[in-house]
Amino acid sequence: MLVDISNRLGFESPGNFTRFFKLQQGFSPSQYRRNVTVLASGPAVPTLAPVIGLDRWGAGLSLAA
């Protein structure tokens, strides 16, 4: 899935996307995914803010699985 997201956003490799994501967000995509999974398994699913800065390449990013 990370390969698909990085390709869709125009990154040359998933590693480049991961570095960019971590610089922008302060945590890696895998840390984000783990936190979302933990939050979603609780009694109420919070509204998640969109990932900042990733849509500037002209491709949308859906957080829905």
PDB file of N, CA and C in Angstrom:
ATOM      1  N   MET A   1       0.815  -1.193   0.000  1.00  0.00           N
ATOM      2  CA  MET A   1       0.000   0.000   0.000  1.00  0.00           C
ATOM      3  C   MET A   1       0.870   1.273   0.000  1.00  0.00           C
ATOM      4  N   LEU A   2       1.977   1.258   0.734  1.00  0.00           N
ATOM      5  CA  LEU A   2       2.863   2.419   0.759  1.00  0.00           C
ATOM      6  C   LEU A   2       3.440   2.692  -0.624  1.00  0.00           C
ATOM      7  N   VAL A   3       3.751   1.629  -1.357  1.00  0.00           N
ATOM      8  CA  VAL A   3       4.262   1.782  -2.726  1.00  0.00           C
ATOM      9  C   VAL A   3       3.218   2.478  -3.586  1.00  0.00           C
ATOM     10  N   ASP A   4       1.962   2.067  -3.462  1.00  0.00           N
ATOM     11  CA  ASP A   4       0.881   2.681  -4.239  1.00  0.00           C
ATOM     12  C   ASP A   4       0.733   4.165  -3.910  1.00  0.00           C
ATOM     13  N   ILE A   5       0.756   4.487  -2.634  1.00  0.00           N
ATOM     14  CA  ILE A   5       0.610   5.888  -2.220  1.00  0.00           C
ATOM     15  C   ILE A   5       1.783   6.720  -2.728  1.00  0.00           C
ATOM     16  N   SER A   6       3.001   6.206  -2.550  1.00  0.00           N
ATOM     17  CA  SER A   6       4.171   6.984  -2.987  1.00  0.00           C
ATOM     18  C   SER A   6       4.181   7.172  -4.496  1.00  0.00           C
ATOM     19  N   ASN A   7       3.804   6.142  -5.245  1.00  0.00           N
ATOM     20  CA  ASN A   7       3.720   6.273  -6.706  1.00  0.00           C
ATOM     21  C   ASN A   7       2.645   7.273  -7.106  1.00  0.00           C
ATOM     22  N   ARG A   8       1.503   7.185  -6.472  1.00  0.00           N
ATOM     23  CA  ARG A   8       0.377   8.068  -6.800  1.00  0.00           C
ATOM     24  C   ARG A   8       0.717   9.541  -6.555  1.00  0.00           C
ATOM     25  N   LEU A   9       1.539   9.783  -5.551  1.00  0.00           N
ATOM     26  CA  LEU A   9       1.920  11.156  -5.219  1.00  0.00           C
ATOM     27  C   LEU A   9       3.154  11.630  -5.968  1.00  0.00           C
ATOM     28  N   GLY A  10       3.730  10.756  -6.799  1.00  0.00           N
ATOM     29  CA  GLY A  10       4.833  11.163  -7.650  1.00  0.00           C
ATOM     30  C   GLY A  10       6.223  11.000  -7.056  1.00  0.00           C
ATOM     31  N   PHE A  11       6.350  10.264  -5.964  1.00  0.00           N
ATOM     32  CA  PHE A  11       7.667  10.017  -5.386  1.00  0.00           C
ATOM     33  C   PHE A  11       8.365   8.916  -6.169  1.00  0.00           C
ATOM     34  N   GLU A  12       9.691   9.012  -6.274  1.00  0.00           N
ATOM     35  CA  GLU A  12      10.464   8.020  -7.018  1.00  0.00           C
ATOM     36  C   GLU A  12      10.555   6.689  -6.289  1.00  0.00           C
ATOM     37  N   SER A  13      10.422   6.708  -4.977  1.00  0.00           N
ATOM     38  CA  SER A  13      10.503   5.464  -4.210  1.00  0.00           C
ATOM     39  C   SER A  13       9.711   5.610  -2.912  1.00  0.00           C
ATOM     40  N   PRO A  14       9.295   4.483  -2.335  1.00  0.00           N
ATOM     41  CA  PRO A  14       8.617   4.542  -1.042  1.00  0.00           C
ATOM     42  C   PRO A  14       9.508   5.155   0.049  1.00  0.00           C
ATOM     43  N   GLY A  15      10.821   4.947  -0.051  1.00  0.00           N
ATOM     44  CA  GLY A  15      11.734   5.538   0.932  1.00  0.00           C
ATOM     45  C   GLY A  15      11.710   7.055   0.903  1.00  0.00           C
ATOM     46  N   ASN A  16      11.638   7.628  -0.303  1.00  0.00           N
ATOM     47  CA  ASN A  16      11.550   9.089  -0.423  1.00  0.00           C
ATOM     48  C   ASN A  16      10.254   9.599   0.197  1.00  0.00           C
ATOM     49  N   PHE A  17       9.161   8.894  -0.063  1.00  0.00           N
ATOM     50  CA  PHE A  17       7.873   9.275   0.523  1.00  0.00           C
ATOM     51  C   PHE A  17       7.939   9.197   2.046  1.00  0.00           C
ATOM     52  N   THR A  18       8.513   8.103   2.569  1.00  0.00           N
ATOM     53  CA  THR A  18       8.603   7.924   4.019  1.00  0.00           C
ATOM     54  C   THR A  18       9.408   9.043   4.666  1.00  0.00           C
ATOM     55  N   ARG A  19      10.533   9.411   4.062  1.00  0.00           N
ATOM     56  CA  ARG A  19      11.349  10.513   4.602  1.00  0.00           C
ATOM     57  C   ARG A  19      10.575  11.831   4.591  1.00  0.00           C
ATOM     58  N   PHE A  20       9.885  12.120   3.471  1.00  0.00           N
ATOM     59  CA  PHE A  20       9.096  13.340   3.375  1.00  0.00           C
ATOM     60  C   PHE A  20       7.989  13.346   4.429  1.00  0.00           C
ATOM     61  N   PHE A  21       7.268  12.247   4.537  1.00  0.00           N
ATOM     62  CA  PHE A  21       6.172  12.131   5.493  1.00  0.00           C
ATOM     63  C   PHE A  21       6.683  12.381   6.913  1.00  0.00           C
ATOM     64  N   LYS A  22       7.800  11.752   7.256  1.00  0.00           N
ATOM     65  CA  LYS A  22       8.347  11.905   8.603  1.00  0.00           C
ATOM     66  C   LYS A  22       8.794  13.340   8.870  1.00  0.00           C
ATOM     67  N   LEU A  23       9.394  13.988   7.876  1.00  0.00           N
ATOM     68  CA  LEU A  23       9.789  15.391   8.036  1.00  0.00           C
ATOM     69  C   LEU A  23       8.572  16.291   8.242  1.00  0.00           C
ATOM     70  N   GLN A  24       7.497  16.033   7.503  1.00  0.00           N
ATOM     71  CA  GLN A  24       6.301  16.866   7.580  1.00  0.00           C
ATOM     72  C   GLN A  24       5.478  16.599   8.837  1.00  0.00           C
ATOM     73  N   GLN A  25       5.366  15.326   9.223  1.00  0.00           N
ATOM     74  CA  GLN A  25       4.452  14.943  10.297  1.00  0.00           C
ATOM     75  C   GLN A  25       5.125  14.675  11.638  1.00  0.00           C
ATOM     76  N   GLY A  26       6.428  14.370  11.600  1.00  0.00           N
ATOM     77  CA  GLY A  26       7.130  14.076  12.843  1.00  0.00           C
ATOM     78  C   GLY A  26       7.087  12.612  13.241  1.00  0.00           C
ATOM     79  N   PHE A  27       6.494  11.776  12.414  1.00  0.00           N
ATOM     80  CA  PHE A  27       6.442  10.338  12.653  1.00  0.00           C
ATOM     81  C   PHE A  27       6.318   9.635  11.313  1.00  0.00           C
ATOM     82  N   SER A  28       6.658   8.362  11.285  1.00  0.00           N
ATOM     83  CA  SER A  28       6.671   7.613  10.027  1.00  0.00           C
ATOM     84  C   SER A  28       5.264   7.163   9.631  1.00  0.00           C
ATOM     85  N   PRO A  29       5.068   6.797   8.363  1.00  0.00           N
ATOM     86  CA  PRO A  29       3.767   6.263   7.945  1.00  0.00           C
ATOM     87  C   PRO A  29       3.356   5.032   8.759  1.00  0.00           C
ATOM     88  N   SER A  30       4.305   4.174   9.110  1.00  0.00           N
ATOM     89  CA  SER A  30       3.945   2.982   9.896  1.00  0.00           C
ATOM     90  C   SER A  30       3.506   3.372  11.311  1.00  0.00           C
ATOM     91  N   GLN A  31       4.142   4.380  11.900  1.00  0.00           N
ATOM     92  CA  GLN A  31       3.702   4.861  13.213  1.00  0.00           C
ATOM     93  C   GLN A  31       2.299   5.454  13.111  1.00  0.00           C
ATOM     94  N   TYR A  32       2.033   6.197  12.052  1.00  0.00           N
ATOM     95  CA  TYR A  32       0.705   6.766  11.830  1.00  0.00           C
ATOM     96  C   TYR A  32      -0.338   5.658  11.722  1.00  0.00           C
ATOM     97  N   ARG A  33      -0.027   4.642  10.916  1.00  0.00           N
ATOM     98  CA  ARG A  33      -0.965   3.537  10.710  1.00  0.00           C
ATOM     99  C   ARG A  33      -1.242   2.811  12.029  1.00  0.00           C
ATOM    100  N   ARG A  34      -0.207   2.561  12.821  1.00  0.00           N
ATOM    101  CA  ARG A  34      -0.410   1.896  14.119  1.00  0.00           C
ATOM    102  C   ARG A  34      -1.300   2.734  15.028  1.00  0.00           C
ATOM    103  N   ASN A  35      -1.069   4.038  15.080  1.00  0.00           N
ATOM    104  CA  ASN A  35      -1.877   4.912  15.933  1.00  0.00           C
ATOM    105  C   ASN A  35      -3.316   4.974  15.464  1.00  0.00           C
ATOM    106  N   VAL A  36      -3.539   5.024  14.174  1.00  0.00           N
ATOM    107  CA  VAL A  36      -4.902   5.052  13.643  1.00  0.00           C
ATOM    108  C   VAL A  36      -5.604   3.750  13.986  1.00  0.00           C
ATOM    109  N   THR A  37      -4.914   2.626  13.870  1.00  0.00           N
ATOM    110  CA  THR A  37      -5.501   1.330  14.199  1.00  0.00           C
ATOM    111  C   THR A  37      -5.882   1.268  15.670  1.00  0.00           C
ATOM    112  N   VAL A  38      -5.010   1.749  16.542  1.00  0.00           N
ATOM    113  CA  VAL A  38      -5.295   1.753  17.973  1.00  0.00           C
ATOM    114  C   VAL A  38      -6.490   2.643  18.269  1.00  0.00           C
ATOM    115  N   LEU A  39      -6.522   3.830  17.699  1.00  0.00           N
ATOM    116  CA  LEU A  39      -7.638   4.746  17.928  1.00  0.00           C
ATOM    117  C   LEU A  39      -8.940   4.178  17.384  1.00  0.00           C
ATOM    118  N   ALA A  40      -8.896   3.562  16.215  1.00  0.00           N
ATOM    119  CA  ALA A  40     -10.105   3.035  15.581  1.00  0.00           C
ATOM    120  C   ALA A  40     -10.655   1.834  16.332  1.00  0.00           C
ATOM    121  N   SER A  41      -9.838   1.136  17.104  1.00  0.00           N
ATOM    122  CA  SER A  41     -10.320  -0.029  17.828  1.00  0.00           C
ATOM    123  C   SER A  41     -10.998   0.355  19.144  1.00  0.00           C
ATOM    124  N   GLY A  42     -10.918   1.623  19.511  1.00  0.00           N
ATOM    125  CA  GLY A  42     -11.547   2.097  20.737  1.00  0.00           C
ATOM    126  C   GLY A  42     -13.052   2.240  20.564  1.00  0.00           C
ATOM    127  N   PRO A  43     -13.743   2.704  21.604  1.00  0.00           N
ATOM    128  CA  PRO A  43     -15.201   2.818  21.559  1.00  0.00           C
ATOM    129  C   PRO A  43     -15.714   3.848  20.554  1.00  0.00           C
ATOM    130  N   ALA A  44     -14.949   4.889  20.298  1.00  0.00           N
ATOM    131  CA  ALA A  44     -15.372   5.907  19.337  1.00  0.00           C
ATOM    132  C   ALA A  44     -14.223   6.160  18.367  1.00  0.00           C
ATOM    133  N   VAL A  45     -14.550   6.256  17.095  1.00  0.00           N
ATOM    134  CA  VAL A  45     -13.531   6.521  16.086  1.00  0.00           C
ATOM    135  C   VAL A  45     -13.429   8.026  15.899  1.00  0.00           C
ATOM    136  N   PRO A  46     -12.285   8.622  16.208  1.00  0.00           N
ATOM    137  CA  PRO A  46     -12.143  10.076  16.069  1.00  0.00           C
ATOM    138  C   PRO A  46     -12.051  10.488  14.608  1.00  0.00           C
ATOM    139  N   THR A  47     -12.385  11.727  14.353  1.00  0.00           N
ATOM    140  CA  THR A  47     -12.185  12.280  13.019  1.00  0.00           C
ATOM    141  C   THR A  47     -10.713  12.620  12.882  1.00  0.00           C
ATOM    142  N   LEU A  48     -10.094  12.101  11.833  1.00  0.00           N
ATOM    143  CA  LEU A  48      -8.668  12.340  11.627  1.00  0.00           C
ATOM    144  C   LEU A  48      -8.477  13.496  10.671  1.00  0.00           C
ATOM    145  N   ALA A  49      -7.597  14.411  11.030  1.00  0.00           N
ATOM    146  CA  ALA A  49      -7.268  15.525  10.139  1.00  0.00           C
ATOM    147  C   ALA A  49      -6.512  14.980   8.937  1.00  0.00           C
ATOM    148  N   PRO A  50      -6.691  15.568   7.764  1.00  0.00           N
ATOM    149  CA  PRO A  50      -5.936  15.114   6.599  1.00  0.00           C
ATOM    150  C   PRO A  50      -4.440  15.318   6.791  1.00  0.00           C
ATOM    151  N   VAL A  51      -3.675  14.511   6.110  1.00  0.00           N
ATOM    152  CA  VAL A  51      -2.219  14.620   6.179  1.00  0.00           C
ATOM    153  C   VAL A  51      -1.813  15.905   5.480  1.00  0.00           C
ATOM    154  N   ILE A  52      -1.093  16.762   6.167  1.00  0.00           N
ATOM    155  CA  ILE A  52      -0.746  18.088   5.661  1.00  0.00           C
ATOM    156  C   ILE A  52       0.383  17.999   4.644  1.00  0.00           C
ATOM    157  N   GLY A  53       0.221  18.697   3.515  1.00  0.00           N
ATOM    158  CA  GLY A  53       1.309  18.860   2.571  1.00  0.00           C
ATOM    159  C   GLY A  53       1.393  17.834   1.469  1.00  0.00           C
ATOM    160  N   LEU A  54       0.633  16.753   1.540  1.00  0.00           N
ATOM    161  CA  LEU A  54       0.780  15.714   0.535  1.00  0.00           C
ATOM    162  C   LEU A  54      -0.023  15.976  -0.728  1.00  0.00           C
ATOM    163  N   ASP A  55      -1.004  16.851  -0.673  1.00  0.00           N
ATOM    164  CA  ASP A  55      -1.829  17.073  -1.856  1.00  0.00           C
ATOM    165  C   ASP A  55      -1.230  18.104  -2.806  1.00  0.00           C
ATOM    166  N   ARG A  56      -0.076  18.652  -2.495  1.00  0.00           N
ATOM    167  CA  ARG A  56       0.495  19.684  -3.370  1.00  0.00           C
ATOM    168  C   ARG A  56       1.008  19.108  -4.682  1.00  0.00           C
ATOM    169  N   TRP A  57       1.070  17.780  -4.811  1.00  0.00           N
ATOM    170  CA  TRP A  57       1.491  17.161  -6.065  1.00  0.00           C
ATOM    171  C   TRP A  57       0.301  16.905  -6.979  1.00  0.00           C
ATOM    172  N   GLY A  58      -0.877  17.309  -6.561  1.00  0.00           N
ATOM    173  CA  GLY A  58      -2.043  17.200  -7.420  1.00  0.00           C
ATOM    174  C   GLY A  58      -2.793  15.893  -7.302  1.00  0.00           C
ATOM    175  N   ALA A  59      -2.392  15.027  -6.417  1.00  0.00           N
ATOM    176  CA  ALA A  59      -3.092  13.764  -6.228  1.00  0.00           C
ATOM    177  C   ALA A  59      -3.702  13.756  -4.839  1.00  0.00           C
ATOM    178  N   GLY A  60      -4.948  13.338  -4.759  1.00  0.00           N
ATOM    179  CA  GLY A  60      -5.593  13.251  -3.460  1.00  0.00           C
ATOM    180  C   GLY A  60      -5.119  12.021  -2.720  1.00  0.00           C
ATOM    181  N   LEU A  61      -5.272  12.023  -1.414  1.00  0.00           N
ATOM    182  CA  LEU A  61      -4.882  10.881  -0.605  1.00  0.00           C
ATOM    183  C   LEU A  61      -6.068  10.499   0.249  1.00  0.00           C
ATOM    184  N   SER A  62      -6.607   9.334   0.002  1.00  0.00           N
ATOM    185  CA  SER A  62      -7.724   8.859   0.791  1.00  0.00           C
ATOM    186  C   SER A  62      -7.190   8.068   1.972  1.00  0.00           C
ATOM    187  N   LEU A  63      -7.611   8.411   3.162  1.00  0.00           N
ATOM    188  CA  LEU A  63      -7.192   7.683   4.346  1.00  0.00           C
ATOM    189  C   LEU A  63      -8.097   6.490   4.610  1.00  0.00           C
ATOM    190  N   ALA A  64      -9.187   6.380   3.871  1.00  0.00           N
ATOM    191  CA  ALA A  64     -10.093   5.248   4.050  1.00  0.00           C
ATOM    192  C   ALA A  64      -9.478   3.992   3.456  1.00  0.00           C
ATOM    193  N   ALA A  65      -9.669   2.891   4.140  1.00  0.00           N
ATOM    194  CA  ALA A  65      -9.112   1.614   3.654  1.00  0.00           C
ATOM    195  C   ALA A  65     -10.067   0.941   2.698  1.00  0.00           C
TER     196      ALA A  65
END
